[in-house]
Amino acid sequence: MSPVLEVEDLRTELALRTGVLRAVDGVSFVLDEGRTLGVVGETGSGKSMTALSIMGLLPRPQGRITAGTVRLRKRNLAALSDRELQGIRGREIGMIFQDPMTSLHPSLTIGVQVQEVLRRHLGLSKRAARVRAIQLLSEVEIPKAEERIDDYPHHFSGGMRQRVTIAMAIACRPKLLIADEPTTALDVSVQAGILRLLSDLQRRHGTAILLITHDMGVIAEMADEVLVLYAGQVVEQAQTQDLFERPEHPYTEALLGALPRADTDDIRRRALATIPGRPPLVTGPTSGCRFAPRCPYANHGPCANVDQELREVRTGHWVRSAHPASERSMNASIST
């Protein structure tokens, strides 16, 4: 497998009334062909801003990349002009947004919208684009695609609208697909169908998927590797199975602890765990661990004053914490 996307020390800022927000602060990762990288964290952790930075869709003039590189097949996207990026979005990078109703134009038929992608990026004729659009709608399992191609978005259910946006995202067979909360607005049964569809498409075409979500259940089902973001920084990175079986960062432990469990005697009586407080908005210089104000272990070390760096606690498992779980266990064993 070869790298499709390489992000190195990406830093993105947003100009706010209260100051300059460090929305993405030193994020790095590599995504290989045919693999899925899950990016997880609470609202405000930097997940979507990372995706928008990669796509060159930051709000202007407030947002800008201040440092780092974003390489798609070795080509640095961060150095390209808006015009050059327009040729890449849709053709080499497909994107699925959270709400299909805001992604689709309500006054245009779904056929026109899918065909526009094909005509713009592949230069197909109107007739050829229509034929290919019907094939794409069938590929994403829209029933009777030939009949429904002239329907409007409001004629479709939420799940079917999301399938239309997936058809648009894969129309040019991009090597990279960015899915930003693609199932959040859908019920559980529809969500399962969308995730299965993405997995099937990935197997057939070898697409690399960057999956952004707050849902750890979606991560467990889809991702090969996971980045956990907090306040714009990567706080943990590991293979999915390793992360779920042996989480290291207290924040990751808290996220997993908040998941509903079906192995209790009476699930109705068990209150879901919560994480006290909220993620900080980093608008200036900081010192110490950003999770320290919410961390149960922060009083046991210099967390509030000493910046933490990502370090490898075991092969392929990286954490930004003075108190990773494996070291806490080791210290507890020594003390007893």
Protein backbone atom coordinates (compact mmCIF):
# COMPACT_ATOMS: atom_id res chain seq x y z
CA MET A 1 0.00 0.00 0.00
CA SER A 2 1.17 3.50 -0.80
CA PRO A 3 0.24 6.75 1.00
CA VAL A 4 -2.68 8.64 -0.52
CA LEU A 5 -2.73 11.46 2.03
CA GLU A 6 0.15 12.70 4.18
CA VAL A 7 -0.53 15.49 6.68
CA GLU A 8 2.44 16.86 8.58
CA ASP A 9 2.31 19.40 11.43
CA LEU A 10 -0.86 21.02 10.09
CA ARG A 11 -1.74 24.27 11.87
CA THR A 12 -4.90 26.24 11.11
CA GLU A 13 -6.10 29.46 12.72
CA LEU A 14 -9.48 31.20 12.78
CA ALA A 15 -9.77 34.91 13.51
CA LEU A 16 -12.53 35.44 16.08
CA ARG A 17 -13.72 38.52 17.94
CA THR A 18 -12.18 37.11 21.11
CA GLY A 19 -8.81 36.36 19.52
CA VAL A 20 -7.14 33.95 17.11
CA LEU A 21 -8.36 30.38 17.59
CA ARG A 22 -5.77 27.65 17.06
CA ALA A 23 -8.34 25.29 15.56
CA VAL A 24 -5.83 22.71 14.28
CA ASP A 25 -2.55 22.64 16.18
CA GLY A 26 0.18 20.37 14.85
CA VAL A 27 -1.87 17.47 13.44
CA SER A 28 0.07 14.79 11.54
CA PHE A 29 -0.95 11.45 10.02
CA VAL A 30 -0.57 9.21 6.98
CA LEU A 31 -3.51 7.51 5.21
CA ASP A 32 -2.78 4.63 2.86
CA GLU A 33 -4.73 3.36 -0.14
CA GLY A 34 -7.71 1.18 0.81
CA ARG A 35 -7.53 2.13 4.50
CA THR A 36 -9.88 4.06 6.77
CA LEU A 37 -8.59 6.54 9.32
CA GLY A 38 -11.12 7.53 11.96
CA VAL A 39 -10.88 11.00 13.51
CA VAL A 40 -12.85 11.28 16.73
CA GLY A 41 -13.44 13.86 19.44
CA GLU A 42 -16.06 16.16 20.94
CA THR A 43 -17.53 19.15 19.16
CA GLY A 44 -14.81 21.78 18.96
CA SER A 45 -11.94 19.30 18.98
CA GLY A 46 -10.79 20.25 15.46
CA LYS A 47 -12.16 17.33 13.45
CA SER A 48 -14.08 19.26 10.80
CA MET A 49 -11.51 22.06 10.66
CA THR A 50 -8.89 19.44 9.80
CA ALA A 51 -11.06 18.22 6.92
CA LEU A 52 -11.79 21.75 5.67
CA SER A 53 -8.06 22.54 5.80
CA ILE A 54 -7.27 19.51 3.67
CA MET A 55 -9.97 20.44 1.15
CA GLY A 56 -9.03 24.12 1.02
CA LEU A 57 -12.53 25.09 2.18
CA LEU A 58 -11.69 27.20 5.21
CA PRO A 59 -13.98 30.20 5.77
CA ARG A 60 -12.43 33.31 4.26
CA PRO A 61 -10.95 35.61 5.38
CA GLN A 62 -11.15 34.28 8.95
CA GLY A 63 -9.46 30.93 8.35
CA ARG A 64 -5.96 30.19 7.16
CA ILE A 65 -3.31 27.47 7.28
CA THR A 66 -0.30 28.91 9.09
CA ALA A 67 2.06 25.93 8.90
CA GLY A 68 2.42 22.35 7.77
CA THR A 69 1.91 20.35 4.60
CA VAL A 70 -1.01 18.39 3.14
CA ARG A 71 0.22 16.02 0.44
CA LEU A 72 -2.17 14.17 -1.84
CA ARG A 73 -0.09 11.65 -3.79
CA LYS A 74 3.01 13.72 -2.89
CA ARG A 75 1.44 16.98 -4.14
CA ASN A 76 1.27 19.70 -1.47
CA LEU A 77 -2.32 20.95 -1.47
CA ALA A 78 -1.55 23.70 1.03
CA ALA A 79 0.63 25.41 -1.60
CA LEU A 80 -1.99 25.37 -4.38
CA SER A 81 -4.17 28.26 -5.52
CA ASP A 82 -7.96 28.23 -5.14
CA ARG A 83 -8.30 27.59 -8.87
CA GLU A 84 -6.00 24.56 -8.70
CA LEU A 85 -7.86 23.21 -5.67
CA GLN A 86 -11.18 23.51 -7.51
CA GLY A 87 -9.86 21.05 -10.07
CA ILE A 88 -8.88 18.60 -7.34
CA ARG A 89 -12.05 18.72 -5.24
CA GLY A 90 -14.58 16.33 -6.71
CA ARG A 91 -12.10 14.68 -9.05
CA GLU A 92 -9.29 13.52 -6.76
CA ILE A 93 -10.97 14.12 -3.40
CA GLY A 94 -14.61 13.34 -2.75
CA MET A 95 -16.42 14.69 0.30
CA ILE A 96 -19.56 13.57 2.10
CA PHE A 97 -21.05 16.13 4.46
CA GLN A 98 -23.17 15.57 7.56
CA ASP A 99 -26.48 16.93 6.29
CA PRO A 100 -27.43 15.91 2.74
CA MET A 101 -30.16 18.56 2.60
CA THR A 102 -27.55 21.30 2.80
CA SER A 103 -25.27 19.45 0.37
CA LEU A 104 -27.93 19.10 -2.32
CA HIS A 105 -29.55 22.01 -4.15
CA PRO A 106 -33.30 21.82 -3.43
CA SER A 107 -34.29 23.32 -6.79
CA LEU A 108 -32.31 20.92 -8.97
CA THR A 109 -33.04 17.27 -9.66
CA ILE A 110 -30.58 14.75 -8.28
CA GLY A 111 -29.73 13.75 -11.84
CA VAL A 112 -28.66 17.28 -12.77
CA GLN A 113 -26.48 17.48 -9.65
CA VAL A 114 -24.72 14.16 -10.21
CA GLN A 115 -24.27 14.92 -13.91
CA GLU A 116 -22.71 18.31 -13.13
CA VAL A 117 -19.82 16.59 -11.33
CA LEU A 118 -19.25 14.28 -14.29
CA ARG A 119 -19.45 17.00 -16.93
CA ARG A 120 -17.22 19.42 -15.03
CA HIS A 121 -14.44 17.05 -14.03
CA LEU A 122 -14.56 14.35 -16.72
CA GLY A 123 -15.83 16.38 -19.68
CA LEU A 124 -18.68 13.96 -20.46
CA SER A 125 -21.44 14.95 -22.84
CA LYS A 126 -24.92 15.53 -21.44
CA ARG A 127 -26.11 12.16 -22.71
CA ALA A 128 -23.08 10.25 -21.45
CA ALA A 129 -23.27 11.99 -18.07
CA ARG A 130 -26.91 10.96 -17.67
CA VAL A 131 -26.11 7.32 -18.43
CA ARG A 132 -23.22 7.37 -15.99
CA ALA A 133 -25.33 9.12 -13.33
CA ILE A 134 -27.92 6.33 -13.51
CA GLN A 135 -25.12 3.78 -13.08
CA LEU A 136 -23.81 5.66 -10.03
CA LEU A 137 -27.24 5.89 -8.42
CA SER A 138 -27.66 2.16 -8.92
CA GLU A 139 -24.21 1.57 -7.45
CA VAL A 140 -25.22 3.36 -4.24
CA GLU A 141 -28.37 1.24 -4.16
CA ILE A 142 -31.03 3.80 -5.10
CA PRO A 143 -33.99 1.67 -6.25
CA LYS A 144 -35.24 2.23 -9.81
CA ALA A 145 -32.46 4.73 -10.48
CA GLU A 146 -33.51 5.27 -14.10
CA GLU A 147 -36.95 6.43 -12.95
CA ARG A 148 -35.80 8.45 -9.93
CA ILE A 149 -33.00 10.38 -11.57
CA ASP A 150 -35.37 13.26 -12.35
CA ASP A 151 -36.72 13.52 -8.80
CA TYR A 152 -35.85 16.39 -6.47
CA PRO A 153 -34.05 15.95 -3.12
CA HIS A 154 -37.25 16.44 -1.09
CA HIS A 155 -38.69 13.34 -2.78
CA PHE A 156 -36.09 11.20 -1.00
CA SER A 157 -35.69 10.05 2.58
CA GLY A 158 -32.64 11.18 4.60
CA GLY A 159 -30.84 7.92 3.93
CA MET A 160 -31.53 8.07 0.20
CA ARG A 161 -30.37 11.69 0.04
CA GLN A 162 -27.12 10.68 1.71
CA ARG A 163 -26.69 7.95 -0.91
CA VAL A 164 -27.07 10.61 -3.60
CA THR A 165 -24.28 12.67 -2.00
CA ILE A 166 -22.12 9.54 -1.90
CA ALA A 167 -22.79 8.99 -5.62
CA MET A 168 -21.60 12.55 -6.27
CA ALA A 169 -18.53 12.04 -4.07
CA ILE A 170 -17.43 8.88 -5.88
CA ALA A 171 -18.46 9.98 -9.38
CA CYS A 172 -14.86 10.53 -10.54
CA ARG A 173 -13.45 7.55 -8.61
CA PRO A 174 -11.36 9.72 -6.25
CA LYS A 175 -8.52 8.05 -4.37
CA LEU A 176 -9.50 9.93 -1.19
CA LEU A 177 -12.97 10.20 0.32
CA ILE A 178 -13.53 12.51 3.28
CA ALA A 179 -16.68 11.64 5.22
CA ASP A 180 -17.56 14.30 7.81
CA GLU A 181 -20.17 12.88 10.20
CA PRO A 182 -21.87 11.03 7.32
CA THR A 183 -24.44 9.21 9.49
CA THR A 184 -25.16 11.64 12.35
CA ALA A 185 -28.56 12.76 11.05
CA LEU A 186 -29.74 9.21 10.28
CA ASP A 187 -31.47 6.60 12.41
CA VAL A 188 -29.58 3.48 13.43
CA SER A 189 -30.86 1.14 10.72
CA VAL A 190 -30.19 3.65 7.94
CA GLN A 191 -26.77 4.41 9.44
CA ALA A 192 -25.81 0.74 9.22
CA GLY A 193 -26.73 0.68 5.53
CA ILE A 194 -24.63 3.78 4.77
CA LEU A 195 -21.60 2.35 6.57
CA ARG A 196 -21.97 -0.96 4.73
CA LEU A 197 -22.19 0.92 1.44
CA LEU A 198 -18.98 2.85 2.16
CA SER A 199 -17.18 -0.37 3.07
CA ASP A 200 -18.36 -2.07 -0.13
CA LEU A 201 -17.26 0.87 -2.27
CA GLN A 202 -13.87 0.91 -0.56
CA ARG A 203 -13.32 -2.80 -1.22
CA ARG A 204 -14.24 -2.43 -4.89
CA HIS A 205 -12.21 0.69 -5.63
CA GLY A 206 -9.41 0.78 -3.04
CA THR A 207 -10.49 4.22 -1.85
CA ALA A 208 -8.77 5.75 1.19
CA ILE A 209 -11.38 7.10 3.62
CA LEU A 210 -10.92 9.82 6.22
CA LEU A 211 -13.88 9.27 8.53
CA ILE A 212 -14.71 12.13 10.89
CA THR A 213 -17.18 11.41 13.67
CA HIS A 214 -17.96 11.78 17.36
CA ASP A 215 -19.46 8.26 17.39
CA MET A 216 -17.05 5.68 18.79
CA GLY A 217 -19.38 2.91 17.59
CA VAL A 218 -18.93 4.07 13.97
CA ILE A 219 -15.16 4.18 14.54
CA ALA A 220 -15.16 0.61 15.88
CA GLU A 221 -17.04 -0.65 12.82
CA MET A 222 -15.26 1.26 10.06
CA ALA A 223 -11.76 2.47 11.00
CA ASP A 224 -8.43 0.68 10.66
CA GLU A 225 -6.66 3.35 12.70
CA VAL A 226 -7.88 6.15 14.99
CA LEU A 227 -6.82 9.71 15.75
CA VAL A 228 -8.30 11.14 18.94
CA LEU A 229 -8.37 14.96 18.81
CA TYR A 230 -8.74 17.33 21.73
CA ALA A 231 -8.53 21.12 21.53
CA GLY A 232 -6.93 20.93 18.08
CA GLN A 233 -4.23 18.41 19.03
CA VAL A 234 -3.82 14.68 18.52
CA VAL A 235 -3.88 13.19 22.02
CA GLU A 236 -3.86 9.53 20.99
CA GLN A 237 -3.23 7.54 17.83
CA ALA A 238 -3.40 3.77 17.46
CA GLN A 239 -4.78 0.85 15.50
CA THR A 240 -8.51 0.59 16.20
CA GLN A 241 -8.51 -2.73 18.05
CA ASP A 242 -5.59 -1.68 20.24
CA LEU A 243 -7.24 1.65 21.06
CA PHE A 244 -10.51 0.04 22.13
CA GLU A 245 -8.87 -2.76 24.09
CA ARG A 246 -6.12 -0.69 25.73
CA PRO A 247 -6.88 3.06 25.62
CA GLU A 248 -4.03 5.12 27.06
CA HIS A 249 -5.14 8.74 27.30
CA PRO A 250 -7.60 9.67 30.09
CA TYR A 251 -9.70 11.49 27.48
CA THR A 252 -9.98 8.38 25.30
CA GLU A 253 -10.87 6.34 28.38
CA ALA A 254 -13.61 8.84 29.16
CA LEU A 255 -14.98 8.73 25.60
CA LEU A 256 -15.14 4.95 25.69
CA GLY A 257 -16.60 5.03 29.19
CA ALA A 258 -19.48 7.14 27.92
CA LEU A 259 -20.59 4.45 25.47
CA PRO A 260 -23.84 2.62 26.30
CA ARG A 261 -23.22 -0.96 27.41
CA ALA A 262 -25.54 -3.92 26.98
CA ASP A 263 -23.82 -6.16 29.53
CA THR A 264 -25.34 -4.62 32.66
CA ASP A 265 -28.11 -6.28 34.67
CA ASP A 266 -30.49 -3.44 33.94
CA ILE A 267 -29.26 -0.96 31.32
CA ARG A 268 -32.14 1.39 32.16
CA ARG A 269 -30.75 1.93 35.65
CA ARG A 270 -27.18 2.65 34.58
CA ALA A 271 -26.54 6.36 34.03
CA LEU A 272 -24.24 7.12 31.13
CA ALA A 273 -20.81 8.37 32.16
CA THR A 274 -20.04 11.99 31.31
CA ILE A 275 -16.89 14.10 31.05
CA PRO A 276 -17.16 17.17 33.31
CA GLY A 277 -16.41 20.53 31.72
CA ARG A 278 -15.89 21.51 28.09
CA PRO A 279 -12.96 21.54 25.66
CA PRO A 280 -11.06 24.85 25.78
CA LEU A 281 -10.97 27.39 22.97
CA VAL A 282 -7.25 27.92 22.48
CA THR A 283 -6.87 31.58 21.51
CA GLY A 284 -3.41 32.31 22.83
CA PRO A 285 -0.23 30.78 24.23
CA THR A 286 -0.83 27.78 26.48
CA SER A 287 1.22 25.74 28.89
CA GLY A 288 0.56 22.29 30.18
CA CYS A 289 -1.85 19.59 29.10
CA ARG A 290 -5.05 20.99 27.59
CA PHE A 291 -7.08 18.19 29.13
CA ALA A 292 -5.72 18.83 32.64
CA PRO A 293 -8.75 20.83 33.92
CA ARG A 294 -10.99 17.83 33.18
CA CYS A 295 -8.54 15.01 33.97
CA PRO A 296 -8.88 12.92 37.16
CA TYR A 297 -5.10 12.36 37.23
CA ALA A 298 -3.92 15.94 36.73
CA ASN A 299 -3.06 16.44 40.42
CA HIS A 300 -0.52 13.63 40.29
CA GLY A 301 2.07 15.42 38.17
CA PRO A 302 3.12 18.63 36.42
CA CYS A 303 0.25 18.49 33.93
CA ALA A 304 -0.87 22.09 34.31
CA ASN A 305 2.61 23.54 33.70
CA VAL A 306 4.42 21.14 31.38
CA ASP A 307 3.51 20.75 27.70
CA GLN A 308 3.04 17.12 26.71
CA GLU A 309 4.43 15.70 23.46
CA LEU A 310 3.15 12.68 21.55
CA ARG A 311 5.19 9.65 22.56
CA GLU A 312 5.03 5.99 21.62
CA VAL A 313 4.05 3.87 24.62
CA ARG A 314 4.09 0.66 22.58
CA THR A 315 4.55 -0.17 18.93
CA GLY A 316 2.20 1.97 16.85
CA HIS A 317 0.41 3.44 19.85
CA TRP A 318 1.07 7.12 20.55
CA VAL A 319 -0.26 9.26 23.39
CA ARG A 320 0.06 12.86 24.60
CA SER A 321 -0.23 12.48 28.38
CA ALA A 322 1.89 12.35 31.52
CA HIS A 323 -0.42 9.63 32.85
CA PRO A 324 -1.06 6.98 30.16
CA ALA A 325 -2.99 3.98 31.42
CA SER A 326 -0.13 1.51 30.97
CA GLU A 327 2.18 3.60 33.16
CA ARG A 328 -0.51 4.13 35.78
CA SER A 329 -0.96 0.36 35.98
CA MET A 330 2.79 -0.15 36.24
CA ASN A 331 3.12 2.44 39.00
CA ALA A 332 0.23 0.89 40.90
CA SER A 333 1.90 -2.52 40.72
CA ILE A 334 5.19 -1.14 41.99
CA SER A 335 3.53 0.70 44.89
CA THR A 336 1.79 -2.48 46.05
